[in-house]
Amino acid sequence: MKYFIIYLITINIIAFLSMYIDKRRAKYGKWRIKEHTLFVLALLGGSIGSMTGMYTFRHKTQKARFFIGFPAILILEVLLGILIYNDFIK
């Protein structure tokens, strides 16, 4: 369980920083992080970091794929976590 929590913290920090980096690169017209990569980070457990970065840096907030997609991924992750946790308790 300890390693899982460390993993979640790490992936969320990476997702948060990815939103920052992509916003900064967009601002200066530089090479960008692919949207697919941002979604993969969210799917790997970084949805909270992705959402926090999205609103902190006001990045991708106008795109429905993101302002609907990240919360949807978070809900799915929470439901999956509940299912897995309940299986371990039984």
C-alpha atoms as a PDB file:
ATOM      1  CA  MET A   1       0.000   0.000   0.000  1.00  0.00           C
ATOM      2  CA  LYS A   2       2.886   2.361   0.818  1.00  0.00           C
ATOM      3  CA  TYR A   3       4.346   2.012  -2.685  1.00  0.00           C
ATOM      4  CA  PHE A   4       0.955   2.564  -4.276  1.00  0.00           C
ATOM      5  CA  ILE A   5       0.534   5.867  -2.427  1.00  0.00           C
ATOM      6  CA  ILE A   6       4.050   6.940  -3.454  1.00  0.00           C
ATOM      7  CA  TYR A   7       3.157   6.035  -7.044  1.00  0.00           C
ATOM      8  CA  LEU A   8      -0.048   8.106  -6.941  1.00  0.00           C
ATOM      9  CA  ILE A   9       1.750  11.122  -5.512  1.00  0.00           C
ATOM     10  CA  THR A  10       4.485  10.835  -8.150  1.00  0.00           C
ATOM     11  CA  ILE A  11       2.129  10.419 -11.138  1.00  0.00           C
ATOM     12  CA  ASN A  12       0.014  13.347  -9.973  1.00  0.00           C
ATOM     13  CA  ILE A  13       3.066  15.591  -9.643  1.00  0.00           C
ATOM     14  CA  ILE A  14       4.159  14.558 -13.144  1.00  0.00           C
ATOM     15  CA  ALA A  15       0.673  15.240 -14.544  1.00  0.00           C
ATOM     16  CA  PHE A  16       0.526  18.635 -12.809  1.00  0.00           C
ATOM     17  CA  LEU A  17       3.944  19.628 -14.127  1.00  0.00           C
ATOM     18  CA  SER A  18       3.029  18.406 -17.615  1.00  0.00           C
ATOM     19  CA  MET A  19       0.117  20.837 -17.699  1.00  0.00           C
ATOM     20  CA  TYR A  20       2.465  23.634 -16.589  1.00  0.00           C
ATOM     21  CA  ILE A  21       5.092  22.744 -19.190  1.00  0.00           C
ATOM     22  CA  ASP A  22       2.525  22.475 -21.985  1.00  0.00           C
ATOM     23  CA  LYS A  23       0.952  25.820 -21.043  1.00  0.00           C
ATOM     24  CA  ARG A  24       4.349  27.516 -20.961  1.00  0.00           C
ATOM     25  CA  ARG A  25       5.311  26.058 -24.331  1.00  0.00           C
ATOM     26  CA  ALA A  26       1.970  27.109 -25.821  1.00  0.00           C
ATOM     27  CA  LYS A  27       2.505  30.639 -24.566  1.00  0.00           C
ATOM     28  CA  TYR A  28       5.881  30.886 -26.317  1.00  0.00           C
ATOM     29  CA  GLY A  29       4.937  28.975 -29.476  1.00  0.00           C
ATOM     30  CA  LYS A  30       7.263  26.065 -28.776  1.00  0.00           C
ATOM     31  CA  TRP A  31       6.924  22.294 -29.171  1.00  0.00           C
ATOM     32  CA  ARG A  32       3.936  20.992 -27.180  1.00  0.00           C
ATOM     33  CA  ILE A  33       3.075  17.898 -25.189  1.00  0.00           C
ATOM     34  CA  LYS A  34       0.556  15.784 -27.111  1.00  0.00           C
ATOM     35  CA  GLU A  35      -3.003  15.793 -25.781  1.00  0.00           C
ATOM     36  CA  HIS A  36      -2.864  12.016 -25.878  1.00  0.00           C
ATOM     37  CA  THR A  37       0.058  12.072 -23.444  1.00  0.00           C
ATOM     38  CA  LEU A  38      -1.837  14.351 -21.054  1.00  0.00           C
ATOM     39  CA  PHE A  39      -4.759  11.908 -21.078  1.00  0.00           C
ATOM     40  CA  VAL A  40      -2.479   8.911 -20.567  1.00  0.00           C
ATOM     41  CA  LEU A  41      -1.011  10.570 -17.475  1.00  0.00           C
ATOM     42  CA  ALA A  42      -4.540  11.099 -16.146  1.00  0.00           C
ATOM     43  CA  LEU A  43      -5.466   7.481 -16.920  1.00  0.00           C
ATOM     44  CA  LEU A  44      -2.378   6.222 -15.104  1.00  0.00           C
ATOM     45  CA  GLY A  45      -3.693   7.751 -11.888  1.00  0.00           C
ATOM     46  CA  GLY A  46      -2.774  11.392 -12.384  1.00  0.00           C
ATOM     47  CA  SER A  47      -6.263  12.776 -12.909  1.00  0.00           C
ATOM     48  CA  ILE A  48      -6.166  14.922  -9.762  1.00  0.00           C
ATOM     49  CA  GLY A  49      -2.821  16.415 -10.778  1.00  0.00           C
ATOM     50  CA  SER A  50      -4.081  16.950 -14.325  1.00  0.00           C
ATOM     51  CA  MET A  51      -7.233  18.716 -13.155  1.00  0.00           C
ATOM     52  CA  THR A  52      -5.333  20.808 -10.633  1.00  0.00           C
ATOM     53  CA  GLY A  53      -2.816  21.837 -13.297  1.00  0.00           C
ATOM     54  CA  MET A  54      -5.567  22.558 -15.805  1.00  0.00           C
ATOM     55  CA  TYR A  55      -7.279  25.044 -13.487  1.00  0.00           C
ATOM     56  CA  THR A  56      -4.143  26.416 -11.811  1.00  0.00           C
ATOM     57  CA  PHE A  57      -2.544  27.321 -15.135  1.00  0.00           C
ATOM     58  CA  ARG A  58      -5.845  27.926 -16.991  1.00  0.00           C
ATOM     59  CA  HIS A  59      -4.775  25.445 -19.610  1.00  0.00           C
ATOM     60  CA  LYS A  60      -7.174  23.412 -21.755  1.00  0.00           C
ATOM     61  CA  THR A  61     -10.133  24.720 -19.739  1.00  0.00           C
ATOM     62  CA  GLN A  62     -12.065  25.627 -22.903  1.00  0.00           C
ATOM     63  CA  LYS A  63     -11.756  22.157 -24.417  1.00  0.00           C
ATOM     64  CA  ALA A  64     -14.638  19.843 -23.523  1.00  0.00           C
ATOM     65  CA  ARG A  65     -12.373  16.824 -23.929  1.00  0.00           C
ATOM     66  CA  PHE A  66     -10.422  18.068 -20.934  1.00  0.00           C
ATOM     67  CA  PHE A  67     -12.935  19.754 -18.629  1.00  0.00           C
ATOM     68  CA  ILE A  68     -15.246  16.749 -19.006  1.00  0.00           C
ATOM     69  CA  GLY A  69     -12.621  14.071 -19.639  1.00  0.00           C
ATOM     70  CA  PHE A  70     -10.382  14.574 -16.597  1.00  0.00           C
ATOM     71  CA  PRO A  71     -13.254  14.504 -14.061  1.00  0.00           C
ATOM     72  CA  ALA A  72     -14.738  11.466 -15.833  1.00  0.00           C
ATOM     73  CA  ILE A  73     -11.398   9.664 -15.543  1.00  0.00           C
ATOM     74  CA  LEU A  74     -11.203  10.597 -11.857  1.00  0.00           C
ATOM     75  CA  ILE A  75     -14.687   9.187 -11.225  1.00  0.00           C
ATOM     76  CA  LEU A  76     -13.756   5.952 -13.000  1.00  0.00           C
ATOM     77  CA  GLU A  77     -10.525   5.707 -11.007  1.00  0.00           C
ATOM     78  CA  VAL A  78     -12.375   6.208  -7.721  1.00  0.00           C
ATOM     79  CA  LEU A  79     -14.972   3.571  -8.647  1.00  0.00           C
ATOM     80  CA  LEU A  80     -12.240   1.151  -9.696  1.00  0.00           C
ATOM     81  CA  GLY A  81     -10.387   1.832  -6.448  1.00  0.00           C
ATOM     82  CA  ILE A  82     -13.521   1.094  -4.435  1.00  0.00           C
ATOM     83  CA  LEU A  83     -14.074  -2.171  -6.310  1.00  0.00           C
ATOM     84  CA  ILE A  84     -10.475  -3.279  -5.847  1.00  0.00           C
ATOM     85  CA  TYR A  85     -10.459  -2.255  -2.173  1.00  0.00           C
ATOM     86  CA  ASN A  86     -13.686  -4.180  -1.518  1.00  0.00           C
ATOM     87  CA  ASP A  87     -12.236  -7.278  -3.184  1.00  0.00           C
ATOM     88  CA  PHE A  88      -9.204  -7.151  -0.892  1.00  0.00           C
ATOM     89  CA  ILE A  89     -11.363  -6.833   2.223  1.00  0.00           C
ATOM     90  CA  LYS A  90     -13.431  -9.953   1.387  1.00  0.00           C
END
